[in-house]
Full PDB file with SEQRES, HELIX, SHEET, SSBOND, CRYST1, ORIGX, SCALE, CONECT and MASTER records, all heavy atoms in Angstrom:
SEQRES   1 A   35  LEU ARG GLY SER TYR THR GLY ILE GLY ALA ARG LEU PHE          
SEQRES   2 A   35  MET VAL GLY THR LEU THR ALA PHE GLN PHE ALA ILE TYR          
SEQRES   3 A   35  GLY ASP LEU LYS LYS ALA LEU GLY ALA                          
HELIX    1 AA1 GLY A    3  TYR A    5  5                                   3    
HELIX    2 AA2 ILE A    8  ALA A   32  1                                  25    
CRYST1    1.000    1.000    1.000  90.00  90.00  90.00 P 1           1          
ORIGX1      1.000000  0.000000  0.000000        0.00000                         
ORIGX2      0.000000  1.000000  0.000000        0.00000                         
ORIGX3      0.000000  0.000000  1.000000        0.00000                         
SCALE1      1.000000  0.000000  0.000000        0.00000                         
SCALE2      0.000000  1.000000  0.000000        0.00000                         
SCALE3      0.000000  0.000000  1.000000        0.00000                         
ATOM      1  N   LEU A   1      51.048  67.213  54.131  1.00  0.00           N  
ATOM      2  CA  LEU A   1      52.454  66.996  53.793  1.00  0.00           C  
ATOM      3  C   LEU A   1      53.302  66.728  55.025  1.00  0.00           C  
ATOM      4  O   LEU A   1      54.116  65.794  55.048  1.00  0.00           O  
ATOM      5  CB  LEU A   1      53.005  68.202  53.022  1.00  0.00           C  
ATOM      6  CG  LEU A   1      54.472  68.094  52.577  1.00  0.00           C  
ATOM      7  CD1 LEU A   1      54.645  66.934  51.598  1.00  0.00           C  
ATOM      8  CD2 LEU A   1      54.937  69.397  51.934  1.00  0.00           C  
ATOM      9  N   ARG A   2      53.103  67.514  56.067  1.00  0.00           N  
ATOM     10  CA  ARG A   2      53.905  67.346  57.280  1.00  0.00           C  
ATOM     11  C   ARG A   2      53.632  66.003  57.939  1.00  0.00           C  
ATOM     12  O   ARG A   2      54.549  65.297  58.360  1.00  0.00           O  
ATOM     13  CB  ARG A   2      53.599  68.482  58.257  1.00  0.00           C  
ATOM     14  CG  ARG A   2      54.484  68.480  59.488  1.00  0.00           C  
ATOM     15  CD  ARG A   2      54.296  69.738  60.304  1.00  0.00           C  
ATOM     16  NE  ARG A   2      55.165  69.762  61.462  1.00  0.00           N  
ATOM     17  CZ  ARG A   2      55.245  70.773  62.321  1.00  0.00           C  
ATOM     18  NH1 ARG A   2      54.504  71.864  62.117  1.00  0.00           N  
ATOM     19  NH2 ARG A   2      56.058  70.723  63.340  1.00  0.00           N  
ATOM     20  N   GLY A   3      52.358  65.637  58.029  1.00  0.00           N  
ATOM     21  CA  GLY A   3      51.993  64.374  58.653  1.00  0.00           C  
ATOM     22  C   GLY A   3      52.507  63.172  57.890  1.00  0.00           C  
ATOM     23  O   GLY A   3      52.817  62.136  58.484  1.00  0.00           O  
ATOM     24  N   SER A   4      52.620  63.309  56.565  1.00  0.00           N  
ATOM     25  CA  SER A   4      53.087  62.180  55.755  1.00  0.00           C  
ATOM     26  C   SER A   4      54.569  61.894  55.965  1.00  0.00           C  
ATOM     27  O   SER A   4      55.057  60.825  55.603  1.00  0.00           O  
ATOM     28  CB  SER A   4      52.814  62.443  54.267  1.00  0.00           C  
ATOM     29  OG  SER A   4      53.592  63.522  53.792  1.00  0.00           O  
ATOM     30  N   TYR A   5      55.298  62.844  56.552  1.00  0.00           N  
ATOM     31  CA  TYR A   5      56.724  62.637  56.831  1.00  0.00           C  
ATOM     32  C   TYR A   5      56.985  62.355  58.313  1.00  0.00           C  
ATOM     33  O   TYR A   5      58.130  62.434  58.762  1.00  0.00           O  
ATOM     34  CB  TYR A   5      57.547  63.834  56.362  1.00  0.00           C  
ATOM     35  CG  TYR A   5      57.874  63.748  54.886  1.00  0.00           C  
ATOM     36  CD1 TYR A   5      57.046  64.336  53.933  1.00  0.00           C  
ATOM     37  CD2 TYR A   5      58.975  63.043  54.434  1.00  0.00           C  
ATOM     38  CE1 TYR A   5      57.319  64.231  52.574  1.00  0.00           C  
ATOM     39  CE2 TYR A   5      59.267  62.934  53.079  1.00  0.00           C  
ATOM     40  CZ  TYR A   5      58.428  63.531  52.164  1.00  0.00           C  
ATOM     41  OH  TYR A   5      58.707  63.417  50.810  1.00  0.00           O  
ATOM     42  N   THR A   6      55.943  61.982  59.032  1.00  0.00           N  
ATOM     43  CA  THR A   6      56.118  61.579  60.426  1.00  0.00           C  
ATOM     44  C   THR A   6      57.026  60.345  60.492  1.00  0.00           C  
ATOM     45  O   THR A   6      56.831  59.385  59.758  1.00  0.00           O  
ATOM     46  CB  THR A   6      54.752  61.242  61.058  1.00  0.00           C  
ATOM     47  OG1 THR A   6      53.914  62.388  61.002  1.00  0.00           O  
ATOM     48  CG2 THR A   6      54.924  60.798  62.511  1.00  0.00           C  
ATOM     49  N   GLY A   7      58.028  60.393  61.348  1.00  0.00           N  
ATOM     50  CA  GLY A   7      58.932  59.259  61.507  1.00  0.00           C  
ATOM     51  C   GLY A   7      60.032  59.171  60.468  1.00  0.00           C  
ATOM     52  O   GLY A   7      60.698  58.139  60.357  1.00  0.00           O  
ATOM     53  N   ILE A   8      60.277  60.256  59.728  1.00  0.00           N  
ATOM     54  CA  ILE A   8      61.272  60.211  58.653  1.00  0.00           C  
ATOM     55  C   ILE A   8      62.686  59.990  59.205  1.00  0.00           C  
ATOM     56  O   ILE A   8      63.515  59.338  58.556  1.00  0.00           O  
ATOM     57  CB  ILE A   8      61.222  61.498  57.792  1.00  0.00           C  
ATOM     58  CG1 ILE A   8      62.163  61.402  56.582  1.00  0.00           C  
ATOM     59  CG2 ILE A   8      61.525  62.723  58.626  1.00  0.00           C  
ATOM     60  CD1 ILE A   8      61.839  60.317  55.598  1.00  0.00           C  
ATOM     61  N   GLY A   9      62.965  60.494  60.417  1.00  0.00           N  
ATOM     62  CA  GLY A   9      64.297  60.320  60.989  1.00  0.00           C  
ATOM     63  C   GLY A   9      64.649  58.855  61.187  1.00  0.00           C  
ATOM     64  O   GLY A   9      65.715  58.389  60.769  1.00  0.00           O  
ATOM     65  N   ALA A  10      63.728  58.110  61.801  1.00  0.00           N  
ATOM     66  CA  ALA A  10      63.955  56.686  62.027  1.00  0.00           C  
ATOM     67  C   ALA A  10      64.050  55.933  60.711  1.00  0.00           C  
ATOM     68  O   ALA A  10      64.854  55.009  60.554  1.00  0.00           O  
ATOM     69  CB  ALA A  10      62.824  56.105  62.872  1.00  0.00           C  
ATOM     70  N   ARG A  11      63.232  56.344  59.733  1.00  0.00           N  
ATOM     71  CA  ARG A  11      63.233  55.636  58.443  1.00  0.00           C  
ATOM     72  C   ARG A  11      64.515  55.918  57.662  1.00  0.00           C  
ATOM     73  O   ARG A  11      65.030  55.042  56.962  1.00  0.00           O  
ATOM     74  CB  ARG A  11      62.004  56.027  57.625  1.00  0.00           C  
ATOM     75  CG  ARG A  11      61.771  55.098  56.446  1.00  0.00           C  
ATOM     76  CD  ARG A  11      60.324  55.062  56.019  1.00  0.00           C  
ATOM     77  NE  ARG A  11      60.152  54.052  54.989  1.00  0.00           N  
ATOM     78  CZ  ARG A  11      60.253  54.295  53.688  1.00  0.00           C  
ATOM     79  NH1 ARG A  11      60.486  55.527  53.264  1.00  0.00           N  
ATOM     80  NH2 ARG A  11      60.100  53.331  52.807  1.00  0.00           N  
ATOM     81  N   LEU A  12      65.036  57.133  57.748  1.00  0.00           N  
ATOM     82  CA  LEU A  12      66.313  57.442  57.095  1.00  0.00           C  
ATOM     83  C   LEU A  12      67.415  56.547  57.651  1.00  0.00           C  
ATOM     84  O   LEU A  12      68.233  56.012  56.897  1.00  0.00           O  
ATOM     85  CB  LEU A  12      66.683  58.919  57.290  1.00  0.00           C  
ATOM     86  CG  LEU A  12      65.980  59.937  56.403  1.00  0.00           C  
ATOM     87  CD1 LEU A  12      66.282  61.350  56.887  1.00  0.00           C  
ATOM     88  CD2 LEU A  12      66.400  59.780  54.941  1.00  0.00           C  
ATOM     89  N   PHE A  13      67.429  56.412  58.967  1.00  0.00           N  
ATOM     90  CA  PHE A  13      68.443  55.563  59.602  1.00  0.00           C  
ATOM     91  C   PHE A  13      68.291  54.110  59.157  1.00  0.00           C  
ATOM     92  O   PHE A  13      69.253  53.460  58.748  1.00  0.00           O  
ATOM     93  CB  PHE A  13      68.319  55.664  61.128  1.00  0.00           C  
ATOM     94  CG  PHE A  13      69.216  54.716  61.877  1.00  0.00           C  
ATOM     95  CD1 PHE A  13      70.558  55.015  62.063  1.00  0.00           C  
ATOM     96  CD2 PHE A  13      68.720  53.520  62.385  1.00  0.00           C  
ATOM     97  CE1 PHE A  13      71.398  54.129  62.734  1.00  0.00           C  
ATOM     98  CE2 PHE A  13      69.545  52.636  63.064  1.00  0.00           C  
ATOM     99  CZ  PHE A  13      70.887  52.946  63.235  1.00  0.00           C  
ATOM    100  N   MET A  14      67.051  53.606  59.214  1.00  0.00           N  
ATOM    101  CA  MET A  14      66.804  52.200  58.897  1.00  0.00           C  
ATOM    102  C   MET A  14      67.074  51.908  57.420  1.00  0.00           C  
ATOM    103  O   MET A  14      67.813  50.980  57.079  1.00  0.00           O  
ATOM    104  CB  MET A  14      65.362  51.825  59.232  1.00  0.00           C  
ATOM    105  CG  MET A  14      65.030  50.368  58.961  1.00  0.00           C  
ATOM    106  SD  MET A  14      63.284  49.968  59.212  1.00  0.00           S  
ATOM    107  CE  MET A  14      62.560  50.742  57.756  1.00  0.00           C  
ATOM    108  N   VAL A  15      66.472  52.695  56.532  1.00  0.00           N  
ATOM    109  CA  VAL A  15      66.596  52.447  55.090  1.00  0.00           C  
ATOM    110  C   VAL A  15      68.020  52.719  54.604  1.00  0.00           C  
ATOM    111  O   VAL A  15      68.559  51.978  53.774  1.00  0.00           O  
ATOM    112  CB  VAL A  15      65.574  53.290  54.301  1.00  0.00           C  
ATOM    113  CG1 VAL A  15      65.794  53.138  52.792  1.00  0.00           C  
ATOM    114  CG2 VAL A  15      64.159  52.864  54.659  1.00  0.00           C  
ATOM    115  N   GLY A  16      68.637  53.773  55.129  1.00  0.00           N  
ATOM    116  CA  GLY A  16      69.997  54.104  54.714  1.00  0.00           C  
ATOM    117  C   GLY A  16      70.983  52.998  55.027  1.00  0.00           C  
ATOM    118  O   GLY A  16      71.744  52.555  54.160  1.00  0.00           O  
ATOM    119  N   THR A  17      70.955  52.513  56.270  1.00  0.00           N  
ATOM    120  CA  THR A  17      71.899  51.456  56.655  1.00  0.00           C  
ATOM    121  C   THR A  17      71.570  50.139  55.952  1.00  0.00           C  
ATOM    122  O   THR A  17      72.465  49.436  55.489  1.00  0.00           O  
ATOM    123  CB  THR A  17      71.890  51.241  58.179  1.00  0.00           C  
ATOM    124  OG1 THR A  17      70.542  51.035  58.634  1.00  0.00           O  
ATOM    125  CG2 THR A  17      72.461  52.443  58.909  1.00  0.00           C  
ATOM    126  N   LEU A  18      70.276  49.818  55.859  1.00  0.00           N  
ATOM    127  CA  LEU A  18      69.864  48.585  55.197  1.00  0.00           C  
ATOM    128  C   LEU A  18      70.304  48.569  53.736  1.00  0.00           C  
ATOM    129  O   LEU A  18      70.869  47.583  53.245  1.00  0.00           O  
ATOM    130  CB  LEU A  18      68.342  48.427  55.283  1.00  0.00           C  
ATOM    131  CG  LEU A  18      67.745  47.221  54.548  1.00  0.00           C  
ATOM    132  CD1 LEU A  18      68.221  45.924  55.167  1.00  0.00           C  
ATOM    133  CD2 LEU A  18      66.219  47.301  54.565  1.00  0.00           C  
ATOM    134  N   THR A  19      70.078  49.680  53.040  1.00  0.00           N  
ATOM    135  CA  THR A  19      70.429  49.755  51.619  1.00  0.00           C  
ATOM    136  C   THR A  19      71.938  49.709  51.412  1.00  0.00           C  
ATOM    137  O   THR A  19      72.423  49.084  50.459  1.00  0.00           O  
ATOM    138  CB  THR A  19      69.848  51.044  50.992  1.00  0.00           C  
ATOM    139  OG1 THR A  19      68.436  51.073  51.223  1.00  0.00           O  
ATOM    140  CG2 THR A  19      70.099  51.094  49.491  1.00  0.00           C  
ATOM    141  N   ALA A  20      72.685  50.352  52.306  1.00  0.00           N  
ATOM    142  CA  ALA A  20      74.148  50.315  52.212  1.00  0.00           C  
ATOM    143  C   ALA A  20      74.648  48.869  52.282  1.00  0.00           C  
ATOM    144  O   ALA A  20      75.464  48.435  51.457  1.00  0.00           O  
ATOM    145  CB  ALA A  20      74.763  51.145  53.337  1.00  0.00           C  
ATOM    146  N   PHE A  21      74.135  48.112  53.252  1.00  0.00           N  
ATOM    147  CA  PHE A  21      74.566  46.722  53.389  1.00  0.00           C  
ATOM    148  C   PHE A  21      74.049  45.846  52.255  1.00  0.00           C  
ATOM    149  O   PHE A  21      74.728  44.911  51.825  1.00  0.00           O  
ATOM    150  CB  PHE A  21      74.140  46.170  54.748  1.00  0.00           C  
ATOM    151  CG  PHE A  21      74.989  46.666  55.890  1.00  0.00           C  
ATOM    152  CD1 PHE A  21      74.473  47.520  56.849  1.00  0.00           C  
ATOM    153  CD2 PHE A  21      76.325  46.284  55.985  1.00  0.00           C  
ATOM    154  CE1 PHE A  21      75.262  47.990  57.878  1.00  0.00           C  
ATOM    155  CE2 PHE A  21      77.127  46.752  57.017  1.00  0.00           C  
ATOM    156  CZ  PHE A  21      76.599  47.603  57.977  1.00  0.00           C  
ATOM    157  N   GLN A  22      72.853  46.149  51.755  1.00  0.00           N  
ATOM    158  CA  GLN A  22      72.316  45.393  50.614  1.00  0.00           C  
ATOM    159  C   GLN A  22      73.254  45.479  49.417  1.00  0.00           C  
ATOM    160  O   GLN A  22      73.596  44.462  48.804  1.00  0.00           O  
ATOM    161  CB  GLN A  22      70.940  45.929  50.208  1.00  0.00           C  
ATOM    162  CG  GLN A  22      69.791  45.417  51.039  1.00  0.00           C  
ATOM    163  CD  GLN A  22      68.464  45.971  50.548  1.00  0.00           C  
ATOM    164  OE1 GLN A  22      68.392  47.045  49.970  1.00  0.00           O  
ATOM    165  NE2 GLN A  22      67.393  45.240  50.789  1.00  0.00           N  
ATOM    166  N   PHE A  23      73.671  46.687  49.083  1.00  0.00           N  
ATOM    167  CA  PHE A  23      74.527  46.859  47.911  1.00  0.00           C  
ATOM    168  C   PHE A  23      75.939  46.328  48.152  1.00  0.00           C  
ATOM    169  O   PHE A  23      76.583  45.835  47.229  1.00  0.00           O  
ATOM    170  CB  PHE A  23      74.561  48.325  47.470  1.00  0.00           C  
ATOM    171  CG  PHE A  23      73.366  48.718  46.645  1.00  0.00           C  
ATOM    172  CD1 PHE A  23      72.410  49.579  47.138  1.00  0.00           C  
ATOM    173  CD2 PHE A  23      73.202  48.212  45.359  1.00  0.00           C  
ATOM    174  CE1 PHE A  23      71.299  49.938  46.372  1.00  0.00           C  
ATOM    175  CE2 PHE A  23      72.107  48.562  44.583  1.00  0.00           C  
ATOM    176  CZ  PHE A  23      71.145  49.427  45.091  1.00  0.00           C  
ATOM    177  N   ALA A  24      76.411  46.422  49.385  1.00  0.00           N  
ATOM    178  CA  ALA A  24      77.720  45.847  49.695  1.00  0.00           C  
ATOM    179  C   ALA A  24      77.691  44.331  49.535  1.00  0.00           C  
ATOM    180  O   ALA A  24      78.585  43.733  48.917  1.00  0.00           O  
ATOM    181  CB  ALA A  24      78.137  46.232  51.115  1.00  0.00           C  
ATOM    182  N   ILE A  25      76.656  43.696  50.089  1.00  0.00           N  
ATOM    183  CA  ILE A  25      76.514  42.233  49.975  1.00  0.00           C  
ATOM    184  C   ILE A  25      76.300  41.841  48.522  1.00  0.00           C  
ATOM    185  O   ILE A  25      76.868  40.854  48.034  1.00  0.00           O  
ATOM    186  CB  ILE A  25      75.347  41.741  50.857  1.00  0.00           C  
ATOM    187  CG1 ILE A  25      75.689  41.944  52.340  1.00  0.00           C  
ATOM    188  CG2 ILE A  25      75.033  40.274  50.575  1.00  0.00           C  
ATOM    189  CD1 ILE A  25      74.515  41.752  53.279  1.00  0.00           C  
ATOM    190  N   TYR A  26      75.481  42.609  47.817  1.00  0.00           N  
ATOM    191  CA  TYR A  26      75.177  42.328  46.411  1.00  0.00           C  
ATOM    192  C   TYR A  26      76.460  42.360  45.573  1.00  0.00           C  
ATOM    193  O   TYR A  26      76.714  41.459  44.762  1.00  0.00           O  
ATOM    194  CB  TYR A  26      74.180  43.357  45.909  1.00  0.00           C  
ATOM    195  CG  TYR A  26      73.663  43.124  44.510  1.00  0.00           C  
ATOM    196  CD1 TYR A  26      73.085  41.917  44.140  1.00  0.00           C  
ATOM    197  CD2 TYR A  26      73.718  44.144  43.559  1.00  0.00           C  
ATOM    198  CE1 TYR A  26      72.585  41.720  42.862  1.00  0.00           C  
ATOM    199  CE2 TYR A  26      73.212  43.956  42.285  1.00  0.00           C  
ATOM    200  CZ  TYR A  26      72.648  42.739  41.945  1.00  0.00           C  
ATOM    201  OH  TYR A  26      72.154  42.546  40.679  1.00  0.00           O  
ATOM    202  N   GLY A  27      77.285  43.384  45.797  1.00  0.00           N  
ATOM    203  CA  GLY A  27      78.538  43.489  45.060  1.00  0.00           C  
ATOM    204  C   GLY A  27      79.486  42.349  45.388  1.00  0.00           C  
ATOM    205  O   GLY A  27      80.099  41.761  44.486  1.00  0.00           O  
ATOM    206  N   ASP A  28      79.592  42.005  46.666  1.00  0.00           N  
ATOM    207  CA  ASP A  28      80.486  40.918  47.082  1.00  0.00           C  
ATOM    208  C   ASP A  28      79.980  39.563  46.583  1.00  0.00           C  
ATOM    209  O   ASP A  28      80.779  38.689  46.215  1.00  0.00           O  
ATOM    210  CB  ASP A  28      80.611  40.893  48.604  1.00  0.00           C  
ATOM    211  CG  ASP A  28      81.458  42.047  49.130  1.00  0.00           C  
ATOM    212  OD1 ASP A  28      82.140  42.702  48.317  1.00  0.00           O  
ATOM    213  OD2 ASP A  28      81.429  42.299  50.358  1.00  0.00           O  
ATOM    214  N   LEU A  29      78.656  39.400  46.566  1.00  0.00           N  
ATOM    215  CA  LEU A  29      78.077  38.147  46.085  1.00  0.00           C  
ATOM    216  C   LEU A  29      78.351  37.958  44.597  1.00  0.00           C  
ATOM    217  O   LEU A  29      78.689  36.857  44.143  1.00  0.00           O  
ATOM    218  CB  LEU A  29      76.567  38.135  46.350  1.00  0.00           C  
ATOM    219  CG  LEU A  29      75.815  36.834  46.039  1.00  0.00           C  
ATOM    220  CD1 LEU A  29      76.367  35.686  46.886  1.00  0.00           C  
ATOM    221  CD2 LEU A  29      74.324  37.007  46.282  1.00  0.00           C  
ATOM    222  N   LYS A  30      78.249  39.024  43.841  1.00  0.00           N  
ATOM    223  CA  LYS A  30      78.529  38.934  42.404  1.00  0.00           C  
ATOM    224  C   LYS A  30      79.998  38.582  42.162  1.00  0.00           C  
ATOM    225  O   LYS A  30      80.311  37.798  41.266  1.00  0.00           O  
ATOM    226  CB  LYS A  30      78.171  40.251  41.706  1.00  0.00           C  
ATOM    227  CG  LYS A  30      76.675  40.475  41.559  1.00  0.00           C  
ATOM    228  CD  LYS A  30      76.341  41.573  40.558  1.00  0.00           C  
ATOM    229  CE  LYS A  30      76.807  42.928  41.021  1.00  0.00           C  
ATOM    230  NZ  LYS A  30      76.377  43.989  40.091  1.00  0.00           N  
ATOM    231  N   LYS A  31      80.877  39.140  42.989  1.00  0.00           N  
ATOM    232  CA  LYS A  31      82.302  38.802  42.851  1.00  0.00           C  
ATOM    233  C   LYS A  31      82.543  37.335  43.190  1.00  0.00           C  
ATOM    234  O   LYS A  31      83.296  36.639  42.506  1.00  0.00           O  
ATOM    235  CB  LYS A  31      83.144  39.706  43.764  1.00  0.00           C  
ATOM    236  CG  LYS A  31      83.396  41.096  43.195  1.00  0.00           C  
ATOM    237  CD  LYS A  31      84.317  41.916  44.059  1.00  0.00           C  
ATOM    238  CE  LYS A  31      83.642  42.418  45.292  1.00  0.00           C  
ATOM    239  NZ  LYS A  31      84.479  43.363  46.084  1.00  0.00           N  
ATOM    240  N   ALA A  32      81.879  36.857  44.244  1.00  0.00           N  
ATOM    241  CA  ALA A  32      82.053  35.467  44.674  1.00  0.00           C  
ATOM    242  C   ALA A  32      81.545  34.486  43.613  1.00  0.00           C  
ATOM    243  O   ALA A  32      82.090  33.395  43.451  1.00  0.00           O  
ATOM    244  CB  ALA A  32      81.319  35.233  45.991  1.00  0.00           C  
ATOM    245  N   LEU A  33      80.510  34.901  42.881  1.00  0.00           N  
ATOM    246  CA  LEU A  33      79.924  34.039  41.849  1.00  0.00           C  
ATOM    247  C   LEU A  33      80.563  34.239  40.477  1.00  0.00           C  
ATOM    248  O   LEU A  33      80.161  33.615  39.501  1.00  0.00           O  
ATOM    249  CB  LEU A  33      78.414  34.292  41.747  1.00  0.00           C  
ATOM    250  CG  LEU A  33      77.583  33.927  42.990  1.00  0.00           C  
ATOM    251  CD1 LEU A  33      76.139  34.374  42.812  1.00  0.00           C  
ATOM    252  CD2 LEU A  33      77.650  32.422  43.251  1.00  0.00           C  
ATOM    253  N   GLY A  34      81.559  35.131  40.431  1.00  0.00           N  
ATOM    254  CA  GLY A  34      82.222  35.395  39.163  1.00  0.00           C  
ATOM    255  C   GLY A  34      81.397  36.220  38.211  1.00  0.00           C  
ATOM    256  O   GLY A  34      81.616  36.206  36.989  1.00  0.00           O  
ATOM    257  N   ALA A  35      80.429  36.978  38.764  1.00  0.00           N  
ATOM    258  CA  ALA A  35      79.568  37.827  37.922  1.00  0.00           C  
ATOM    259  C   ALA A  35      79.876  39.289  38.182  1.00  0.00           C  
ATOM    260  O   ALA A  35      78.987  40.126  38.244  1.00  0.00           O  
ATOM    261  CB  ALA A  35      78.101  37.538  38.224  1.00  0.00           C  
TER     262      ALA A  35                                                      
MASTER        0    0    0    2    0    0    0    6  261    1    0    3          
END                                                                             
């Protein structure tokens, strides 16, 4: 269990920021397309 979470700090940073921008862009894109 412990070994399977090796590198979780870096992944939280990467996935958290990436997902935040994904949903922000997704929401803005839907508005731009009238959806």
